Amino acid sequence: MLKNIVKNNYMVGLLLTCAFMLFLTNISNSLNSIFSYDFIFSFIMYFGFFIIAIHGLKKYRIIGIYLLITILFIPPNIFPEYRGLLFPVTYLSFISYLGFIISKQLFKKWKNEYEL
C-alpha cells in the first residue's frame, strides 16, 4: 500500500521538492553543496513528506492542505523566532496520517475477510 503511494506521486513530489529546496536556498542566501550529507538528507526527507502530502491532498483535501502547510514548520529560517519548536508538529502530523491510512486499510481487509 505504501508502495502505491510512492508510485502514484513520485513525479509531482520530485518537482515540489526541487522547487521547495530552491525556495529555501533563496531565503537563506546560501547555496550548500549538492553532494553534502545535509542536502541529501534534507532532499530525501522533503521528498517523502511531499509524496505523503500529495496523497493526502488527492484523497482528503483538508488533510492534504494541512500536511503541506506543516512542511513549512521544518526549516528554521522560515519562522526564526520558533526555531526548533515547530518540527514535532510536522512529524506527528505525518505519523498520524500514515497511521490513519494503514489502519483504514487493515480494517477494510479485516472486514472483507470476516464478512461483517
N, C-alpha and C. Protein backbone atom coordinates (compact mmCIF):
# COMPACT_ATOMS: atom_id res chain seq x y z
N MET A 1 0.80 -1.18 0.00
CA MET A 1 0.00 0.00 0.00
C MET A 1 0.86 1.26 0.00
N LEU A 2 1.88 1.32 0.82
CA LEU A 2 2.77 2.47 0.82
C LEU A 2 3.55 2.56 -0.48
N LYS A 3 3.79 1.41 -1.09
CA LYS A 3 4.48 1.38 -2.38
C LYS A 3 3.62 2.06 -3.44
N ASN A 4 2.30 1.89 -3.37
CA ASN A 4 1.40 2.55 -4.32
C ASN A 4 1.37 4.06 -4.13
N ILE A 5 1.49 4.51 -2.88
CA ILE A 5 1.53 5.95 -2.62
C ILE A 5 2.75 6.56 -3.29
N VAL A 6 3.90 5.91 -3.17
CA VAL A 6 5.12 6.42 -3.78
C VAL A 6 5.03 6.34 -5.29
N LYS A 7 4.54 5.22 -5.81
CA LYS A 7 4.48 5.03 -7.25
C LYS A 7 3.55 6.04 -7.93
N ASN A 8 2.46 6.40 -7.29
CA ASN A 8 1.50 7.31 -7.89
C ASN A 8 1.87 8.78 -7.76
N ASN A 9 2.75 9.12 -6.83
CA ASN A 9 3.00 10.54 -6.54
C ASN A 9 4.46 10.97 -6.64
N TYR A 10 5.35 10.13 -7.15
CA TYR A 10 6.76 10.46 -7.07
C TYR A 10 7.16 11.60 -8.01
N MET A 11 6.53 11.75 -9.17
CA MET A 11 6.92 12.82 -10.09
C MET A 11 6.54 14.20 -9.55
N VAL A 12 5.33 14.33 -9.07
CA VAL A 12 4.90 15.61 -8.50
C VAL A 12 5.69 15.91 -7.23
N GLY A 13 5.96 14.87 -6.45
CA GLY A 13 6.76 15.03 -5.25
C GLY A 13 8.17 15.50 -5.56
N LEU A 14 8.76 14.97 -6.61
CA LEU A 14 10.10 15.38 -7.02
C LEU A 14 10.11 16.84 -7.46
N LEU A 15 9.12 17.24 -8.23
CA LEU A 15 9.04 18.63 -8.68
C LEU A 15 8.83 19.59 -7.51
N LEU A 16 7.93 19.23 -6.60
CA LEU A 16 7.70 20.09 -5.44
C LEU A 16 8.92 20.15 -4.52
N THR A 17 9.63 19.05 -4.39
CA THR A 17 10.83 19.04 -3.55
C THR A 17 11.90 19.93 -4.14
N CYS A 18 12.12 19.84 -5.45
CA CYS A 18 13.11 20.70 -6.09
C CYS A 18 12.74 22.17 -5.95
N ALA A 19 11.46 22.50 -6.16
CA ALA A 19 11.02 23.88 -6.02
C ALA A 19 11.16 24.36 -4.58
N PHE A 20 10.84 23.51 -3.62
CA PHE A 20 10.95 23.89 -2.21
C PHE A 20 12.41 24.09 -1.81
N MET A 21 13.30 23.23 -2.30
CA MET A 21 14.72 23.38 -1.97
C MET A 21 15.28 24.67 -2.59
N LEU A 22 14.84 25.02 -3.80
CA LEU A 22 15.26 26.29 -4.39
C LEU A 22 14.71 27.47 -3.59
N PHE A 23 13.48 27.35 -3.12
CA PHE A 23 12.88 28.37 -2.28
C PHE A 23 13.68 28.55 -0.99
N LEU A 24 14.09 27.46 -0.39
CA LEU A 24 14.86 27.54 0.86
C LEU A 24 16.23 28.15 0.63
N THR A 25 16.88 27.83 -0.49
CA THR A 25 18.20 28.42 -0.75
C THR A 25 18.09 29.90 -1.06
N ASN A 26 16.97 30.34 -1.63
CA ASN A 26 16.78 31.77 -1.87
C ASN A 26 16.51 32.52 -0.58
N ILE A 27 15.84 31.89 0.37
CA ILE A 27 15.57 32.55 1.66
C ILE A 27 16.84 32.67 2.48
N SER A 28 17.64 31.62 2.51
CA SER A 28 18.82 31.63 3.37
C SER A 28 20.03 32.29 2.70
N ASN A 29 19.94 32.61 1.40
CA ASN A 29 21.01 33.27 0.65
C ASN A 29 22.33 32.50 0.70
N SER A 30 22.26 31.20 0.81
CA SER A 30 23.46 30.38 0.76
C SER A 30 23.15 29.11 -0.01
N LEU A 31 24.05 28.74 -0.85
CA LEU A 31 23.88 27.53 -1.63
C LEU A 31 24.82 26.47 -1.08
N ASN A 32 24.25 25.47 -0.44
CA ASN A 32 25.06 24.38 0.08
C ASN A 32 25.49 23.48 -1.06
N SER A 33 26.51 22.74 -0.82
CA SER A 33 26.98 21.80 -1.82
C SER A 33 25.89 20.76 -2.07
N ILE A 34 25.69 20.43 -3.32
CA ILE A 34 24.64 19.48 -3.68
C ILE A 34 24.97 18.09 -3.16
N PHE A 35 26.23 17.79 -3.00
CA PHE A 35 26.62 16.46 -2.56
C PHE A 35 26.93 16.37 -1.07
N SER A 36 26.55 17.39 -0.31
CA SER A 36 26.77 17.31 1.14
C SER A 36 25.72 16.40 1.76
N TYR A 37 26.05 15.84 2.90
CA TYR A 37 25.13 14.93 3.58
C TYR A 37 23.87 15.65 4.02
N ASP A 38 24.01 16.90 4.47
CA ASP A 38 22.83 17.65 4.92
C ASP A 38 21.85 17.87 3.78
N PHE A 39 22.35 18.23 2.61
CA PHE A 39 21.48 18.47 1.47
C PHE A 39 20.79 17.18 1.03
N ILE A 40 21.53 16.10 0.95
CA ILE A 40 20.96 14.82 0.51
C ILE A 40 19.90 14.34 1.51
N PHE A 41 20.20 14.42 2.80
CA PHE A 41 19.24 14.00 3.82
C PHE A 41 17.99 14.87 3.77
N SER A 42 18.17 16.19 3.65
CA SER A 42 17.02 17.09 3.57
C SER A 42 16.18 16.82 2.33
N PHE A 43 16.83 16.57 1.21
CA PHE A 43 16.11 16.31 -0.03
C PHE A 43 15.27 15.04 0.10
N ILE A 44 15.84 13.98 0.65
CA ILE A 44 15.10 12.72 0.81
C ILE A 44 13.94 12.90 1.79
N MET A 45 14.18 13.64 2.87
CA MET A 45 13.14 13.86 3.87
C MET A 45 11.98 14.67 3.28
N TYR A 46 12.29 15.76 2.60
CA TYR A 46 11.23 16.57 1.98
C TYR A 46 10.51 15.81 0.88
N PHE A 47 11.24 15.00 0.13
CA PHE A 47 10.64 14.19 -0.93
C PHE A 47 9.60 13.24 -0.34
N GLY A 48 9.93 12.58 0.75
CA GLY A 48 8.97 11.69 1.41
C GLY A 48 7.77 12.44 1.96
N PHE A 49 8.01 13.60 2.56
CA PHE A 49 6.90 14.39 3.09
C PHE A 49 5.98 14.87 1.97
N PHE A 50 6.54 15.31 0.86
CA PHE A 50 5.70 15.80 -0.23
C PHE A 50 4.90 14.67 -0.87
N ILE A 51 5.48 13.49 -0.96
CA ILE A 51 4.73 12.36 -1.52
C ILE A 51 3.51 12.04 -0.65
N ILE A 52 3.72 11.99 0.64
CA ILE A 52 2.61 11.70 1.56
C ILE A 52 1.58 12.82 1.55
N ALA A 53 2.04 14.07 1.50
CA ALA A 53 1.11 15.20 1.50
C ALA A 53 0.29 15.24 0.21
N ILE A 54 0.89 14.89 -0.91
CA ILE A 54 0.15 14.86 -2.18
C ILE A 54 -0.91 13.77 -2.14
N HIS A 55 -0.57 12.63 -1.56
CA HIS A 55 -1.57 11.57 -1.40
C HIS A 55 -2.73 12.06 -0.54
N GLY A 56 -2.40 12.74 0.54
CA GLY A 56 -3.45 13.30 1.40
C GLY A 56 -4.28 14.34 0.68
N LEU A 57 -3.66 15.11 -0.19
CA LEU A 57 -4.39 16.12 -0.95
C LEU A 57 -5.34 15.49 -1.96
N LYS A 58 -4.93 14.37 -2.54
CA LYS A 58 -5.80 13.70 -3.51
C LYS A 58 -6.98 13.00 -2.83
N LYS A 59 -6.74 12.39 -1.68
CA LYS A 59 -7.79 11.62 -1.01
C LYS A 59 -8.67 12.47 -0.10
N TYR A 60 -8.03 13.29 0.73
CA TYR A 60 -8.73 14.10 1.72
C TYR A 60 -8.18 15.52 1.62
N ARG A 61 -8.92 16.39 0.98
CA ARG A 61 -8.44 17.72 0.61
C ARG A 61 -7.93 18.52 1.81
N ILE A 62 -8.68 18.58 2.88
CA ILE A 62 -8.31 19.41 4.03
C ILE A 62 -7.07 18.85 4.73
N ILE A 63 -7.00 17.54 4.86
CA ILE A 63 -5.83 16.92 5.49
C ILE A 63 -4.58 17.17 4.65
N GLY A 64 -4.71 17.08 3.33
CA GLY A 64 -3.57 17.34 2.45
C GLY A 64 -3.07 18.77 2.54
N ILE A 65 -3.99 19.72 2.62
CA ILE A 65 -3.58 21.12 2.78
C ILE A 65 -2.88 21.33 4.11
N TYR A 66 -3.41 20.71 5.16
CA TYR A 66 -2.77 20.79 6.48
C TYR A 66 -1.36 20.20 6.45
N LEU A 67 -1.20 19.06 5.80
CA LEU A 67 0.12 18.43 5.72
C LEU A 67 1.09 19.29 4.92
N LEU A 68 0.64 19.90 3.84
CA LEU A 68 1.51 20.78 3.07
C LEU A 68 1.93 22.00 3.87
N ILE A 69 1.01 22.54 4.67
CA ILE A 69 1.36 23.70 5.49
C ILE A 69 2.36 23.32 6.57
N THR A 70 2.20 22.14 7.15
CA THR A 70 3.13 21.76 8.23
C THR A 70 4.54 21.49 7.73
N ILE A 71 4.72 21.27 6.44
CA ILE A 71 6.08 21.11 5.91
C ILE A 71 6.86 22.40 6.10
N LEU A 72 6.19 23.53 6.09
CA LEU A 72 6.86 24.82 6.29
C LEU A 72 7.40 24.99 7.71
N PHE A 73 6.98 24.14 8.65
CA PHE A 73 7.45 24.26 10.02
C PHE A 73 8.85 23.66 10.23
N ILE A 74 9.35 22.90 9.28
CA ILE A 74 10.63 22.22 9.48
C ILE A 74 11.83 23.15 9.33
N PRO A 75 11.98 23.91 8.23
CA PRO A 75 13.18 24.74 8.10
C PRO A 75 13.20 25.87 9.11
N PRO A 76 14.32 26.06 9.80
CA PRO A 76 14.36 27.09 10.85
C PRO A 76 14.41 28.51 10.31
N ASN A 77 14.72 28.71 9.03
CA ASN A 77 14.82 30.07 8.53
C ASN A 77 13.49 30.64 8.05
N ILE A 78 12.42 29.87 8.04
CA ILE A 78 11.10 30.40 7.68
C ILE A 78 10.47 31.09 8.90
N PHE A 79 10.48 30.42 10.06
CA PHE A 79 10.00 31.01 11.30
C PHE A 79 11.16 31.05 12.29
N PRO A 80 12.04 32.07 12.19
CA PRO A 80 13.24 32.07 13.04
C PRO A 80 12.95 32.22 14.53
N GLU A 81 11.83 32.84 14.90
CA GLU A 81 11.53 33.01 16.32
C GLU A 81 11.06 31.72 16.98
N TYR A 82 10.65 30.73 16.16
CA TYR A 82 10.22 29.44 16.69
C TYR A 82 11.20 28.33 16.32
N ARG A 83 12.46 28.66 16.21
CA ARG A 83 13.48 27.71 15.79
C ARG A 83 13.51 26.49 16.71
N GLY A 84 13.27 25.32 16.11
CA GLY A 84 13.33 24.07 16.85
C GLY A 84 12.08 23.72 17.64
N LEU A 85 11.03 24.53 17.55
CA LEU A 85 9.83 24.25 18.33
C LEU A 85 8.69 23.68 17.50
N LEU A 86 8.67 23.91 16.19
CA LEU A 86 7.53 23.53 15.38
C LEU A 86 7.70 22.21 14.62
N PHE A 87 8.91 21.70 14.51
CA PHE A 87 9.09 20.48 13.72
C PHE A 87 8.39 19.26 14.30
N PRO A 88 8.19 19.14 15.62
CA PRO A 88 7.43 17.97 16.10
C PRO A 88 5.98 17.96 15.60
N VAL A 89 5.41 19.13 15.35
CA VAL A 89 4.06 19.20 14.81
C VAL A 89 4.01 18.51 13.45
N THR A 90 5.02 18.76 12.64
CA THR A 90 5.08 18.14 11.30
C THR A 90 5.23 16.64 11.41
N TYR A 91 6.19 16.19 12.18
CA TYR A 91 6.44 14.76 12.29
C TYR A 91 5.23 14.02 12.85
N LEU A 92 4.62 14.56 13.90
CA LEU A 92 3.45 13.90 14.48
C LEU A 92 2.25 13.91 13.54
N SER A 93 2.11 14.96 12.76
CA SER A 93 1.01 15.03 11.79
C SER A 93 1.17 13.95 10.71
N PHE A 94 2.39 13.81 10.20
CA PHE A 94 2.62 12.81 9.16
C PHE A 94 2.52 11.39 9.70
N ILE A 95 3.01 11.17 10.91
CA ILE A 95 2.90 9.84 11.52
C ILE A 95 1.43 9.51 11.77
N SER A 96 0.66 10.49 12.23
CA SER A 96 -0.77 10.26 12.47
C SER A 96 -1.50 9.96 11.16
N TYR A 97 -1.16 10.68 10.10
CA TYR A 97 -1.81 10.43 8.82
C TYR A 97 -1.47 9.04 8.29
N LEU A 98 -0.20 8.65 8.39
CA LEU A 98 0.18 7.30 7.95
C LEU A 98 -0.51 6.24 8.79
N GLY A 99 -0.62 6.47 10.10
CA GLY A 99 -1.36 5.53 10.95
C GLY A 99 -2.82 5.43 10.56
N PHE A 100 -3.41 6.56 10.20
CA PHE A 100 -4.80 6.57 9.76
C PHE A 100 -4.98 5.77 8.47
N ILE A 101 -4.10 5.98 7.51
CA ILE A 101 -4.19 5.28 6.22
C ILE A 101 -3.99 3.78 6.41
N ILE A 102 -2.98 3.41 7.18
CA ILE A 102 -2.69 1.99 7.40
C ILE A 102 -3.82 1.31 8.16
N SER A 103 -4.32 1.97 9.21
CA SER A 103 -5.41 1.35 9.98
C SER A 103 -6.69 1.24 9.17
N LYS A 104 -6.95 2.20 8.32
CA LYS A 104 -8.13 2.14 7.46
C LYS A 104 -8.01 0.96 6.49
N GLN A 105 -6.82 0.76 5.94
CA GLN A 105 -6.58 -0.36 5.02
C GLN A 105 -6.70 -1.71 5.76
N LEU A 106 -6.15 -1.78 6.97
CA LEU A 106 -6.26 -3.02 7.75
C LEU A 106 -7.70 -3.32 8.12
N PHE A 107 -8.47 -2.30 8.48
CA PHE A 107 -9.87 -2.51 8.80
C PHE A 107 -10.65 -3.00 7.59
N LYS A 108 -10.34 -2.42 6.44
CA LYS A 108 -11.02 -2.84 5.21
C LYS A 108 -10.70 -4.30 4.89
N LYS A 109 -9.46 -4.69 5.07
CA LYS A 109 -9.06 -6.08 4.83
C LYS A 109 -9.74 -7.01 5.84
N TRP A 110 -9.77 -6.62 7.10
CA TRP A 110 -10.39 -7.45 8.13
C TRP A 110 -11.89 -7.59 7.88
N LYS A 111 -12.54 -6.51 7.48
CA LYS A 111 -13.97 -6.53 7.23
C LYS A 111 -14.31 -7.43 6.05
N ASN A 112 -13.50 -7.41 5.01
CA ASN A 112 -13.75 -8.26 3.84
C ASN A 112 -13.50 -9.74 4.13
N GLU A 113 -12.54 -10.02 5.00
CA GLU A 113 -12.25 -11.43 5.32
C GLU A 113 -13.34 -12.07 6.16
N TYR A 114 -13.90 -11.33 7.09
CA TYR A 114 -14.88 -11.91 8.01
C TYR A 114 -16.31 -11.58 7.66
N GLU A 115 -16.52 -10.81 6.62
CA GLU A 115 -17.85 -10.51 6.09
C GLU A 115 -18.80 -10.02 7.17
N LEU A 116 -18.49 -8.87 7.69
CA LEU A 116 -19.37 -8.29 8.72
C LEU A 116 -20.55 -7.59 8.12
